[in-house]
């Protein structure tokens, strides 16, 4: 989830919709909102839940100090594990009019030790949440992994460990078996680039004080490509297993995708750096997902420093045979790239944002969402796409509570223009079947804690009061207007 700007190199309606019936070209369109387990649930020690890596990062290592100077955790967050609270929040979603709620499952809540014994209380929680959503006419879209890994597995190397493919397969099959009869849309991973190349290595190595938290060296980035490979193998394996169960739903993956723009298109160094940056974040995942193999230039670049990165014919066969049913697109902003010969592979640590009012994630350029969707259409045979995250935060310029109201004009402008752009791409042939706002609620924003708000619903983190922002009502009206056409 690219909710923070550590740029380029870092950084319901009444009838239930049958998502499986939405074949390419279908006129049905999915309108949704999104969240992630660690960011919203709280209850970090409730009902037999195991310890996750983020429980350790925030409580033991106090990683939010790095960005905020404050110690903040997801121990309570917005209390979404509490049934009374989430039923109220589902009522808000129904009032909004969305047809889908994308949320993730806490792996450690289902499997406290990462593998082995199942925590039935955790299973029951999500079972009841799913039933409550369906009763309100809202389709659950479940993300299996949104960055919170059981700490037991993290201590064994996490995604760097080749056993992680099997760990994930067992976990995924547990979810399919327990919820697959009711849930018809699954996402395997959220933003593996951000998790594999940014968040985890920066935090883990920063904790170990092996080097300054960032930027990463060429050797360190190449090393992390091993984790990316294991994630892609796990993704293909889960897709294979899901389809073998013949449950009648769809399964995909969500990527952070950011177009890379040379700061000076007439400077060959900037152009080259932008191509490399595009390969590192975008093509490294899109190519194996839809072409069955890694981009040769990026693979060769990493192999210079990582001799153990040797994908074989069996790996490529697994990729090719198990393409995602849909691609989740998380888009916030493009990255403007100025070559930096002092950085790994010449790619700068920071992208450029010249906007006078700065969004947390970068410059506001909705035209690049159109270009991204059309690029995927042309370069990757127009797969089914769903925008699984799009949203904005501007700080006090937008999210100040005045007379118990929030007039978030910048967010409203951002969301409206990006929806207009997305629908223009759909009209021009991109196989776009849904749009999801990040996020329904203000929540815990990873290393930025509670200091960054992205919700269309304001949350008082002390009292848990919810206050819909003006963007909430605007999004409601957009959905209503679209359905009347």
Protein backbone atom coordinates (compact mmCIF):
# COMPACT_ATOMS: atom_id res chain seq x y z
CA UNK A 1 0.00 0.00 0.00
CA UNK A 2 1.72 3.02 -1.15
CA UNK A 3 0.34 5.35 1.40
CA UNK A 4 3.51 7.19 2.11
CA UNK A 5 5.80 9.20 -0.10
CA UNK A 6 9.26 7.66 0.14
CA UNK A 7 9.30 7.80 -3.61
CA UNK A 8 10.78 6.08 -6.54
CA UNK A 9 13.49 3.87 -5.10
CA UNK A 10 11.72 3.76 -1.72
CA UNK A 11 9.69 4.79 -0.81
CA UNK A 12 -24.58 -1.52 -2.08
CA UNK A 13 -27.07 -1.62 -3.55
CA UNK A 14 -29.87 -3.97 -2.43
CA UNK A 15 -29.20 -6.98 -4.64
CA UNK A 16 -26.02 -8.93 -4.07
CA UNK A 17 -23.71 -8.71 -7.09
CA UNK A 18 -22.30 -11.91 -8.51
CA UNK A 19 -18.72 -10.89 -9.19
CA UNK A 20 -17.99 -14.14 -10.94
CA UNK A 21 -20.54 -13.20 -13.57
CA UNK A 22 -18.55 -10.11 -14.51
CA UNK A 23 -16.83 -11.42 -17.59
CA UNK A 24 -14.56 -9.06 -19.52
CA UNK A 25 -16.72 -6.48 -21.22
CA UNK A 26 -19.46 -6.70 -18.59
CA UNK A 27 -21.31 -3.46 -17.94
CA UNK A 28 -21.35 -4.01 -14.19
CA UNK A 29 -18.84 -1.89 -12.35
CA UNK A 30 -17.54 -2.44 -8.86
CA UNK A 31 -17.51 0.58 -6.53
CA UNK A 32 -15.64 0.01 -3.29
CA UNK A 33 -13.61 1.14 -0.32
CA UNK A 34 -10.58 -0.53 1.24
CA UNK A 35 -8.65 -1.20 4.44
CA UNK A 36 -5.94 -3.53 5.80
CA UNK A 37 -5.99 -5.66 8.94
CA UNK A 38 -3.09 -4.15 10.89
CA UNK A 39 -4.18 -0.65 10.00
CA UNK A 40 -7.72 -0.94 11.35
CA UNK A 41 -8.36 -3.97 13.54
CA UNK A 42 -6.56 -3.31 16.81
CA UNK A 43 -7.20 -6.11 19.34
CA UNK A 44 -3.62 -7.22 18.79
CA UNK A 45 -3.71 -9.77 21.61
CA UNK A 46 -7.38 -10.76 21.48
CA UNK A 47 -8.86 -14.24 21.09
CA UNK A 48 -5.63 -16.16 20.61
CA UNK A 49 -4.11 -13.98 17.88
CA UNK A 50 -0.40 -14.60 17.35
CA UNK A 51 2.29 -11.93 17.19
CA UNK A 52 2.87 -10.32 13.80
CA UNK A 53 5.97 -8.56 12.53
CA UNK A 54 4.13 -5.25 12.81
CA UNK A 55 3.28 -5.91 16.45
CA UNK A 56 7.03 -6.22 17.00
CA UNK A 57 7.98 -3.29 14.77
CA UNK A 58 5.68 -0.88 16.58
CA UNK A 59 5.76 -2.13 20.17
CA UNK A 60 9.31 -3.36 20.54
CA UNK A 61 11.24 -1.31 18.01
CA UNK A 62 8.95 1.74 17.97
CA UNK A 63 9.46 2.30 14.24
CA UNK A 64 7.09 5.26 14.03
CA UNK A 65 9.78 7.32 15.76
CA UNK A 66 11.66 7.19 12.46
CA UNK A 67 9.07 9.36 10.69
CA UNK A 68 6.96 11.01 13.37
CA UNK A 69 9.12 11.30 16.46
CA UNK A 70 6.29 9.59 18.33
CA UNK A 71 5.70 6.02 19.50
CA UNK A 72 2.46 4.84 17.93
CA UNK A 73 1.10 1.33 17.39
CA UNK A 74 -1.82 -0.51 15.83
CA UNK A 75 -2.71 -2.09 19.16
CA UNK A 76 -6.11 -0.36 19.14
CA UNK A 77 -6.17 1.56 15.87
CA UNK A 78 -9.82 2.17 14.91
CA UNK A 79 -11.12 -0.87 16.81
CA UNK A 80 -12.43 -2.66 13.74
CA UNK A 81 -12.09 -6.10 15.33
CA UNK A 82 -14.94 -5.21 17.68
CA UNK A 83 -18.23 -6.47 16.29
CA UNK A 84 -20.30 -3.56 17.57
CA UNK A 85 -17.92 -1.16 15.85
CA UNK A 86 -17.66 -2.94 12.51
CA UNK A 87 -21.44 -3.31 12.26
CA UNK A 88 -21.74 0.47 12.60
CA UNK A 89 -19.05 0.89 9.98
CA UNK A 90 -20.79 -1.49 7.58
CA UNK A 91 -23.92 0.63 8.02
CA UNK A 92 -21.83 3.63 6.92
CA UNK A 93 -20.63 1.69 3.87
CA UNK A 94 -24.21 0.87 2.98
CA UNK A 95 -25.11 4.54 3.34
CA UNK A 96 -22.21 5.36 1.02
CA UNK A 97 -23.59 2.92 -1.55
CA UNK A 98 -20.49 0.87 -2.29
CA UNK A 99 -20.86 -2.62 -3.69
CA UNK A 100 -17.57 -3.96 -2.32
CA UNK A 101 -15.37 -3.75 0.76
CA UNK A 102 -11.77 -4.77 0.30
CA UNK A 103 -10.14 -5.87 3.55
CA UNK A 104 -7.23 -8.10 4.50
CA UNK A 105 -7.00 -11.04 6.86
CA UNK A 106 -4.44 -11.13 9.64
CA UNK A 107 -2.39 -14.27 9.03
CA UNK A 108 -1.36 -14.36 12.70
CA UNK A 109 -5.02 -14.22 13.76
CA UNK A 110 -5.79 -17.43 11.86
CA UNK A 111 -2.46 -19.20 12.35
CA UNK A 112 -0.77 -17.82 15.49
CA UNK A 113 2.44 -19.72 14.74
CA UNK A 114 2.30 -19.01 11.02
CA UNK A 115 1.71 -22.69 10.25
CA UNK A 116 0.01 -25.58 12.02
CA UNK A 117 -2.80 -25.14 14.54
CA UNK A 118 -5.75 -22.99 13.47
CA UNK A 119 -7.16 -20.36 15.82
CA UNK A 120 -10.89 -20.98 15.45
CA UNK A 121 -11.82 -17.74 17.22
CA UNK A 122 -9.94 -15.84 14.53
CA UNK A 123 -11.66 -17.83 11.79
CA UNK A 124 -15.03 -17.08 13.37
CA UNK A 125 -14.34 -13.33 13.45
CA UNK A 126 -13.87 -13.11 9.69
CA UNK A 127 -16.75 -15.51 9.06
CA UNK A 128 -19.09 -13.19 10.96
CA UNK A 129 -17.67 -10.10 9.24
CA UNK A 130 -18.23 -11.68 5.82
CA UNK A 131 -21.82 -12.60 6.73
CA UNK A 132 -22.51 -9.06 7.95
CA UNK A 133 -21.20 -7.58 4.71
CA UNK A 134 -23.22 -9.93 2.53
CA UNK A 135 -26.36 -9.22 4.56
CA UNK A 136 -25.88 -5.55 3.74
CA UNK A 137 -25.44 -6.19 0.02
CA UNK A 138 -21.68 -5.58 0.08
CA UNK A 139 -19.33 -8.06 -1.56
CA UNK A 140 -16.21 -8.90 0.46
CA UNK A 141 -12.94 -8.63 -1.47
CA UNK A 142 -10.35 -10.43 0.67
CA UNK A 143 -6.65 -9.67 0.54
CA UNK A 144 -4.70 -12.61 1.90
CA UNK A 145 -1.48 -10.74 2.66
CA UNK A 146 -1.22 -7.03 3.36
CA UNK A 147 2.23 -6.86 4.96
CA UNK A 148 1.53 -8.29 8.46
CA UNK A 149 3.45 -11.57 8.60
CA UNK A 150 3.44 -13.84 11.66
CA UNK A 151 6.56 -12.96 13.63
CA UNK A 152 7.52 -16.64 13.88
CA UNK A 153 7.91 -16.69 10.10
CA UNK A 154 9.60 -13.31 9.99
CA UNK A 155 12.28 -14.67 12.32
CA UNK A 156 12.88 -17.48 9.84
CA UNK A 157 13.67 -14.99 7.10
CA UNK A 158 10.17 -14.13 5.95
CA UNK A 159 9.87 -13.96 2.17
CA UNK A 160 13.61 -14.44 1.78
CA UNK A 161 13.12 -18.05 2.91
CA UNK A 162 12.19 -20.43 0.06
CA UNK A 163 9.86 -22.20 2.51
CA UNK A 164 7.67 -19.08 2.38
CA UNK A 165 6.04 -20.39 -0.80
CA UNK A 166 4.71 -23.41 1.08
CA UNK A 167 3.82 -21.35 4.15
CA UNK A 168 1.65 -19.13 2.00
CA UNK A 169 0.11 -22.02 0.09
CA UNK A 170 -1.11 -23.64 3.30
CA UNK A 171 -2.42 -20.33 4.65
CA UNK A 172 -4.17 -19.52 1.36
CA UNK A 173 -5.84 -22.91 1.20
CA UNK A 174 -7.12 -22.48 4.74
CA UNK A 175 -8.80 -19.25 3.65
CA UNK A 176 -10.21 -20.76 0.47
CA UNK A 177 -11.60 -23.75 2.36
CA UNK A 178 -13.15 -21.69 5.15
CA UNK A 179 -14.52 -18.73 3.17
CA UNK A 180 -14.48 -19.71 -0.51
CA UNK A 181 -18.12 -20.75 -0.67
CA UNK A 182 -19.23 -17.24 0.32
CA UNK A 183 -16.44 -14.99 -0.95
CA UNK A 184 -16.01 -14.72 -4.70
CA UNK A 185 -13.09 -12.35 -4.98
CA UNK A 186 -9.62 -12.87 -3.50
CA UNK A 187 -6.36 -10.94 -3.77
CA UNK A 188 -3.18 -12.84 -2.99
CA UNK A 189 -0.74 -10.00 -2.19
CA UNK A 190 -0.90 -6.27 -1.75
CA UNK A 191 1.94 -4.23 -3.23
CA UNK A 192 4.78 -6.75 -3.02
CA UNK A 193 7.24 -4.17 -4.37
CA UNK A 194 6.66 -1.84 -1.43
CA UNK A 195 6.81 -4.69 1.07
CA UNK A 196 9.80 -6.51 -0.46
CA UNK A 197 12.00 -3.58 -1.47
CA UNK A 198 11.01 -0.73 0.85
CA UNK A 199 9.27 -1.38 4.13
CA UNK A 200 10.73 -4.69 5.27
CA UNK A 201 14.41 -4.17 4.37
CA UNK A 202 14.49 -0.62 5.67
CA UNK A 203 12.91 -1.56 9.00
CA UNK A 204 14.68 -4.88 9.49
CA UNK A 205 18.12 -3.60 8.61
CA UNK A 206 17.56 -0.32 10.38
CA UNK A 207 16.71 -2.25 13.54
CA UNK A 208 19.88 -4.30 13.16
CA UNK A 209 21.82 -1.07 12.53
CA UNK A 210 23.66 -2.71 9.67
CA UNK A 211 23.46 0.50 7.66
CA UNK A 212 21.51 3.75 7.73
CA UNK A 213 17.81 3.06 7.23
CA UNK A 214 17.91 4.22 3.61
CA UNK A 215 18.74 4.25 0.81
CA UNK A 216 19.55 0.64 -0.05
CA UNK A 217 22.71 -0.30 -1.89
CA UNK A 218 22.70 -2.17 -5.20
CA UNK A 219 23.67 -5.35 -3.35
CA UNK A 220 20.85 -4.96 -0.86
CA UNK A 221 18.24 -4.29 -3.55
CA UNK A 222 19.41 -7.25 -5.60
CA UNK A 223 19.24 -9.44 -2.51
CA UNK A 224 15.61 -8.46 -1.98
CA UNK A 225 14.77 -9.64 -5.50
CA UNK A 226 14.90 -13.14 -3.97
CA UNK A 227 11.95 -12.23 -1.77
CA UNK A 228 10.09 -10.87 -4.81
CA UNK A 229 10.65 -14.17 -6.62
CA UNK A 230 9.29 -16.19 -3.71
CA UNK A 231 6.21 -13.95 -3.54
CA UNK A 232 5.53 -14.42 -7.25
CA UNK A 233 5.91 -18.19 -6.90
CA UNK A 234 3.54 -18.13 -3.92
CA UNK A 235 1.07 -16.05 -5.91
CA UNK A 236 1.07 -18.48 -8.85
CA UNK A 237 0.77 -21.46 -6.51
CA UNK A 238 -2.24 -19.94 -4.72
CA UNK A 239 -3.92 -19.12 -8.03
CA UNK A 240 -3.39 -22.72 -9.18
CA UNK A 241 -4.77 -24.17 -5.96
CA UNK A 242 -7.77 -21.86 -5.94
CA UNK A 243 -8.81 -22.79 -9.47
CA UNK A 244 -8.34 -26.48 -8.75
CA UNK A 245 -10.97 -26.13 -6.02
CA UNK A 246 -13.47 -24.83 -8.63
CA UNK A 247 -15.18 -22.43 -6.23
CA UNK A 248 -16.58 -20.19 -8.93
CA UNK A 249 -14.84 -16.99 -7.94
CA UNK A 250 -11.90 -14.93 -9.10
CA UNK A 251 -8.40 -14.44 -7.73
CA UNK A 252 -5.87 -11.76 -8.54
CA UNK A 253 -3.00 -9.72 -7.17
CA UNK A 254 -2.64 -6.04 -6.34
CA UNK A 255 0.44 -4.06 -7.42
CA UNK A 256 1.67 -0.58 -6.67
CA UNK A 257 2.11 0.89 -10.14
CA UNK A 258 3.70 4.28 -10.65
CA UNK A 259 4.62 5.61 -14.11
CA UNK A 260 8.22 6.82 -14.16
CA UNK A 261 8.77 10.11 -15.97
CA UNK A 262 12.20 11.47 -16.86
CA UNK A 263 12.63 14.83 -15.16
CA UNK A 264 14.30 16.03 -18.34
CA UNK A 265 13.16 13.95 -21.33
CA UNK A 266 16.07 15.36 -23.33
CA UNK A 267 18.64 14.09 -20.83
CA UNK A 268 19.69 10.50 -21.67
CA UNK A 269 20.69 9.89 -18.04
CA UNK A 270 17.19 10.80 -16.80
CA UNK A 271 15.60 8.66 -19.48
CA UNK A 272 17.75 5.68 -18.57
CA UNK A 273 17.07 6.09 -14.84
CA UNK A 274 13.32 6.25 -15.53
CA UNK A 275 13.47 3.02 -17.56
CA UNK A 276 15.33 1.26 -14.75
CA UNK A 277 12.95 2.59 -12.10
CA UNK A 278 10.00 1.39 -14.19
CA UNK A 279 11.60 -2.03 -14.41
CA UNK A 280 12.19 -2.23 -10.66
CA UNK A 281 8.66 -1.36 -9.57
CA UNK A 282 6.41 -2.11 -12.51
CA UNK A 283 7.84 -4.57 -15.04
CA UNK A 284 9.49 -6.83 -12.43
CA UNK A 285 5.97 -7.92 -11.45
CA UNK A 286 3.84 -7.28 -14.54
CA UNK A 287 6.07 -9.27 -16.88
CA UNK A 288 6.07 -12.57 -14.96
CA UNK A 289 2.36 -12.20 -14.18
CA UNK A 290 1.27 -11.71 -17.79
CA UNK A 291 4.23 -12.79 -19.92
CA UNK A 292 5.50 -15.64 -17.79
CA UNK A 293 9.06 -14.38 -17.32
CA UNK A 294 11.07 -11.54 -15.83
CA UNK A 295 12.18 -8.55 -17.91
CA UNK A 296 15.63 -9.45 -19.14
CA UNK A 297 17.25 -6.09 -18.38
CA UNK A 298 16.14 -5.98 -14.74
CA UNK A 299 16.87 -9.65 -14.10
CA UNK A 300 20.39 -9.23 -15.49
CA UNK A 301 20.88 -6.07 -13.43
CA UNK A 302 20.02 -7.87 -10.20
CA UNK A 303 21.96 -10.99 -11.11
CA UNK A 304 25.17 -8.97 -11.19
CA UNK A 305 24.90 -8.76 -7.39
CA UNK A 306 22.73 -11.76 -6.56
CA UNK A 307 24.15 -14.96 -8.01
CA UNK A 308 21.43 -17.04 -6.34
CA UNK A 309 18.66 -15.39 -8.37
CA UNK A 310 18.20 -17.99 -11.08
CA UNK A 311 14.56 -18.55 -12.02
CA UNK A 312 14.24 -21.80 -13.89
CA UNK A 313 12.01 -23.26 -16.56
CA UNK A 314 9.68 -24.75 -13.93
CA UNK A 315 9.23 -21.32 -12.32
CA UNK A 316 8.37 -19.72 -15.64
CA UNK A 317 5.99 -22.53 -16.47
CA UNK A 318 4.20 -21.98 -13.16
CA UNK A 319 3.89 -18.26 -13.91
CA UNK A 320 2.63 -18.83 -17.43
CA UNK A 321 0.02 -21.40 -16.42
CA UNK A 322 -1.41 -19.39 -13.53
CA UNK A 323 -2.08 -15.85 -14.58
CA UNK A 324 -4.25 -13.73 -12.28
CA UNK A 325 -7.94 -13.45 -13.12
CA UNK A 326 -7.67 -9.72 -12.56
CA UNK A 327 -5.01 -7.15 -11.80
CA UNK A 328 -5.51 -4.91 -8.80
CA UNK A 329 -4.08 -1.48 -9.60
CA UNK A 330 -2.97 0.75 -6.73
CA UNK A 331 -2.27 4.20 -8.14
CA UNK A 332 -1.52 7.39 -6.25
CA UNK A 333 0.98 9.39 -8.31
CA UNK A 334 3.68 9.10 -10.95
CA UNK A 335 7.36 9.46 -10.07
CA UNK A 336 9.48 12.15 -11.72
CA UNK A 337 12.97 10.70 -12.05
CA UNK A 338 16.20 12.68 -12.00
CA UNK A 339 19.25 10.45 -12.51
CA UNK A 340 21.57 10.25 -9.51
CA UNK A 341 24.90 8.52 -10.23
CA UNK A 342 25.56 8.28 -6.49
CA UNK A 343 22.57 6.01 -5.95
CA UNK A 344 22.10 2.32 -6.71
CA UNK A 345 21.49 1.78 -10.44
CA UNK A 346 21.42 5.57 -10.91
CA UNK A 347 17.86 5.78 -9.59
CA UNK A 348 17.23 8.63 -7.12
CA UNK A 349 16.17 8.04 -3.57
CA UNK A 350 13.54 10.75 -3.78
CA UNK A 351 11.14 11.48 -6.62
CA UNK A 352 10.19 15.08 -7.34
CA UNK A 353 6.99 16.86 -6.29
CA UNK A 354 6.73 20.50 -7.30
CA UNK A 355 3.06 20.97 -6.38
CA UNK A 356 2.38 23.95 -4.13
CA UNK A 357 0.03 21.92 -1.92
CA UNK A 358 1.75 18.59 -1.56
CA UNK A 359 -0.06 15.27 -1.39
CA UNK A 360 1.64 12.74 0.87
CA UNK A 361 2.25 10.38 -2.04
CA UNK A 362 3.56 12.70 -4.69
CA UNK A 363 2.24 15.04 -7.37
CA UNK A 364 -1.44 15.01 -8.32
CA UNK A 365 -1.43 13.90 -11.95
CA UNK A 366 -4.63 11.98 -12.82
CA UNK A 367 -3.69 11.91 -16.50
CA UNK A 368 -1.04 9.35 -15.63
CA UNK A 369 -3.68 6.96 -14.32
CA UNK A 370 -5.21 7.02 -17.80
CA UNK A 371 -1.79 6.41 -19.36
CA UNK A 372 -1.10 3.56 -16.95
CA UNK A 373 -4.37 1.77 -17.67
CA UNK A 374 -3.91 2.17 -21.42
CA UNK A 375 -0.32 0.93 -21.16
CA UNK A 376 -1.49 -2.23 -19.39
CA UNK A 377 -4.16 -2.63 -22.06
CA UNK A 378 -1.61 -2.40 -24.87
CA UNK A 379 1.42 -4.12 -23.33
CA UNK A 380 -0.24 -6.93 -21.37
CA UNK A 381 -3.20 -7.97 -23.53
CA UNK A 382 -5.80 -5.92 -21.68
CA UNK A 383 -6.38 -8.02 -18.53
CA UNK A 384 -9.34 -7.40 -16.27
CA UNK A 385 -8.32 -4.49 -14.03
CA UNK A 386 -9.77 -3.17 -10.80
CA UNK A 387 -8.41 -0.05 -9.16
CA UNK A 388 -7.96 -1.46 -5.67
CA UNK A 389 -6.51 1.71 -4.12
CA UNK A 390 -6.69 5.35 -5.08
CA UNK A 391 -6.86 8.20 -2.64
CA UNK A 392 -5.07 11.15 -1.14
CA UNK A 393 -3.91 12.91 2.00
CA UNK A 394 -2.80 16.52 2.28
CA UNK A 395 -2.43 17.03 6.02
CA UNK A 396 -3.90 20.01 7.86
CA UNK A 397 -4.62 21.74 4.54
CA UNK A 398 -7.43 19.26 4.04
CA UNK A 399 -8.28 17.34 7.21
CA UNK A 400 -8.90 19.97 9.86
CA UNK A 401 -12.01 19.42 11.97
CA UNK A 402 -14.06 22.63 12.01
CA UNK A 403 -17.49 22.76 13.67
CA UNK A 404 -17.55 18.97 13.66
CA UNK A 405 -17.13 18.88 9.88
CA UNK A 406 -14.27 18.20 7.45
CA UNK A 407 -14.38 19.96 4.12
CA UNK A 408 -11.56 18.07 2.41
CA UNK A 409 -11.58 19.99 -0.86
CA UNK A 410 -8.22 18.71 -2.09
CA UNK A 411 -9.21 15.08 -1.55
CA UNK A 412 -12.54 15.66 -3.26
CA UNK A 413 -10.81 17.15 -6.29
CA UNK A 414 -8.29 14.28 -6.36
CA UNK A 415 -10.89 11.52 -6.19
CA UNK A 416 -13.24 13.08 -8.72
CA UNK A 417 -10.53 13.72 -11.30
CA UNK A 418 -9.07 10.24 -10.91
CA UNK A 419 -12.49 8.61 -11.28
CA UNK A 420 -13.14 10.69 -14.41
CA UNK A 421 -9.78 9.61 -15.80
CA UNK A 422 -10.35 5.94 -14.95
CA UNK A 423 -13.76 5.93 -16.62
CA UNK A 424 -12.27 7.64 -19.68
CA UNK A 425 -9.78 4.77 -19.98
CA UNK A 426 -12.63 2.28 -19.62
CA UNK A 427 -14.52 4.06 -22.39
CA UNK A 428 -11.42 3.87 -24.56
CA UNK A 429 -11.15 0.12 -24.20
CA UNK A 430 -9.25 -0.58 -20.98
CA UNK A 431 -10.85 -3.61 -19.30
CA UNK A 432 -11.48 -1.75 -16.06
CA UNK A 433 -14.19 -3.32 -13.90
CA UNK A 434 -13.99 -1.41 -10.64
CA UNK A 435 -12.73 1.49 -8.58
CA UNK A 436 -11.84 1.44 -4.88
CA UNK A 437 -11.08 4.42 -2.67
CA UNK A 438 -8.26 4.25 -0.17
CA UNK A 439 -9.47 4.51 2.44
CA UNK A 440 -12.90 4.29 4.01
CA UNK A 441 -11.52 5.42 7.38
CA UNK A 442 -8.55 7.31 8.73
CA UNK A 443 -6.32 4.66 10.28
CA UNK A 444 -2.79 3.62 11.25
CA UNK A 445 -0.52 4.55 8.35
CA UNK A 446 2.43 2.23 8.96
CA UNK A 447 5.65 4.10 9.81
CA UNK A 448 3.67 7.36 9.83
CA UNK A 449 1.32 6.14 12.55
CA UNK A 450 -1.74 8.34 12.97
CA UNK A 451 -0.10 11.43 11.52
CA UNK A 452 -1.44 10.89 8.02
CA UNK A 453 -5.12 10.68 7.19
CA UNK A 454 -6.42 9.14 3.97
CA UNK A 455 -10.00 8.29 4.94
CA UNK A 456 -13.23 9.66 3.54
CA UNK A 457 -14.48 9.16 7.09
CA UNK A 458 -12.71 11.05 9.88
CA UNK A 459 -11.84 9.03 12.98
CA UNK A 460 -11.21 10.52 16.40
CA UNK A 461 -8.54 8.06 17.52
CA UNK A 462 -9.24 8.73 21.21
CA UNK A 463 -13.02 8.35 21.21
CA UNK A 464 -13.45 6.22 18.03
CA UNK A 465 -16.08 8.65 16.77
CA UNK A 466 -16.65 8.54 13.01
CA UNK A 467 -17.46 11.70 11.04
CA UNK A 468 -18.04 11.41 7.28
CA UNK A 469 -16.02 14.00 5.39
CA UNK A 470 -17.33 15.94 2.42
CA UNK A 471 -15.47 13.48 0.18
CA UNK A 472 -17.71 10.72 1.57
CA UNK A 473 -20.82 12.49 0.29
CA UNK A 474 -19.19 13.36 -3.03
CA UNK A 475 -18.19 9.72 -3.60
CA UNK A 476 -21.74 8.63 -2.70
CA UNK A 477 -23.15 11.03 -5.30
CA UNK A 478 -20.69 9.84 -7.97
CA UNK A 479 -21.76 6.23 -7.40
CA UNK A 480 -25.45 7.16 -7.55
CA UNK A 481 -24.97 9.17 -10.72
CA UNK A 482 -23.06 6.36 -12.43
CA UNK A 483 -25.77 3.82 -11.67
CA UNK A 484 -28.45 6.03 -13.16
CA UNK A 485 -26.78 6.01 -16.57
